[in-house]
Amino acid sequence: MNRRHFVSTAAMLLASTALPGGVRAGAHPSLFDLAQAARGRPYAPNTTPLAPPFADLDYDAFRGIRPLPGKAAMIPHGERFAFDLLPPGLYFPDPVTVDRVTPDGTHQIAFSPSLFSFEPRYFGAIPETSPGAGFTGLRMRYPVNAPDRMDEVLVLQGASYFRAIGQAMVYGLSARSVAIGTGGSTPEEFPRFTHIRLHPAEGDTVRLEGMIDSRSLTAHIDMTMRPGVETEMDIVATVFPRVDIADIGIAPLTSMYLKGPMLAAVADDFRPRVHDSDVLAIRNGAGEVLWRPIANPRAVETSAFSDASPQRFGLYQTSRGYDAFQDTEARYHDRPSAFVEPSGDWGRGAVMLVEIPTSDEFMDNIVAFWRPEAPLRAGQDYSFAYRLVWTRRDPDVNGLARIHQSRSGREHDRPGHRRFVIDVSAVTDDPQPVISASDGAEIIATSAFALPDGGGTRITFLLAPGEIDTAEIRLGLRGADGTPLSPVWLHRWTRARDGGV
């Protein structure tokens, strides 16, 4: 939408329809207090089925429901923000209470089908009410790309998911408020937003709160967002366990990886790469930079990177430019990276990476999060503060050489061996590769040499796994005096995925 039109009509909209769909105003209790108190009550999942016009929708019909401008779309919020309210249906049956803090109190926005338009191809007469229906989230808008255009910068919808973008980006990976049981042997639990509260925007900053509920916990998330070239969020997530939780996921990031140059034949696809993210990068509490290329495995793979007081971790899209993906529609080259910077001491635990097999690009199959070493105990409160940044930046390698690409393939003239090739930015010192493999796998034929035309440094080696089925490989470049020159490159070789050697 044109921002000039938005600004010129904002005052009129606020005066004539102070809040859409009717409101219930008053001094509402804090969402933090509500979430904390809800822990003491048994979990009550939503069991009310959707009624027409929101019931039994297919994908096209659901997309035919659109928020009406001034009612549920383009609702002015401060001078530079606007928001849309999102309808129920399809994958989003559960109602979310949405309210808004204004100078004269907190106002709950009442839901009504009249706030939306319905595509006549899919819908007949629309009833005035729809029992059990409610908003399912919201979308924030901001002039991030041009001063006269209100672009989407944030969506909160579905379980406790949210995703954001900065300038010149399209949606890609998502974040969650909290995760439970991800990658475990029992079904994963998906806590969901039950309440979202919008606070007054101040200039280029907006604050939102969310209340989250599930069988094992309640939680509160406080998010202050600043859209821009990068979109930054300062987040405090507080968890109120109903039961002891050992498999909690803090600051979870969810992404997709189908194929890339490490194992291009995993999917029969004309594009050289298909992924939202291709690297997990970690700066651990000791300042060591870890670089772990993501894989599409044959079976669920879980990796734990033990740490104390991590400095940063994130899922990165390191491949940029159209030529890397050759996809004119999905625009994978414009999808954001996202990284988490913990505030304060998170103690001991591990950055977890879960990789799930997928045969297409429509399933999120990659999850990264922090798991505390000690279980969260029922009846106690746990707060985790962090900054979440959505960016096009490469991982911060702390002044070390950047890893440009990772490739592997069968060594055809040496059965039982696999070739690995890792390219890094130019290294001025005499680079010495330091490579190891676990479980008795052998590393041979190691070399490091300069690429032509100043293209950087290439490290290459052969893996001879013998009879084992899994090997963890660790590689780093060091100078003659032992000084690290590159991040620590990590890879899990599996016979199942790599098809032997």
Foldseek 3Di string as FASTA:
>chain_A
DFQVVLQVCQVVLCVPPVAAQDKDWDADDDLVVVQQVCLVPADDDDDDFWFPPAPPDDPVQQVQKAFDPSHFFQNDFPNFKGKGWAWAHDQFQAAAWEWEQDPVGIITRDDWSVRIDGDVVRDDDGDGHIPSIHTFWMWMWGPQAHNTDTHTAKTQGDQQKMFGAAYQFDAFKIKGQKWAQVLHPDDTWGKHWRYKYWYHDDVQKTKMKTWTDTRFWIKIKIWIWGGYLKIKIKIKIKIATSAWGQGMFHGKMWWFFQAAQACQPSADDPWRGAILFFWKWWLAPVRAIEIEGDDQFPAKDKDWAKGWQTAKIWTAHLDADCNNTVDPPVRSNRYWIKMKGWDDTPGIWTWMWIAHHDHDGPDGGIMTGTGHNGIDHHPDMDMTIIMMMTHNDDDDNPQAWAWRDKHKDPPVVDAQKIKIKIFTQADPADKDKDKDKPDPKDKDPWDKDQDPPRRGIMIMIMIRGDPDFKMKMWIFIAHPVRHTRGHIYIYIHGCRGRVGD
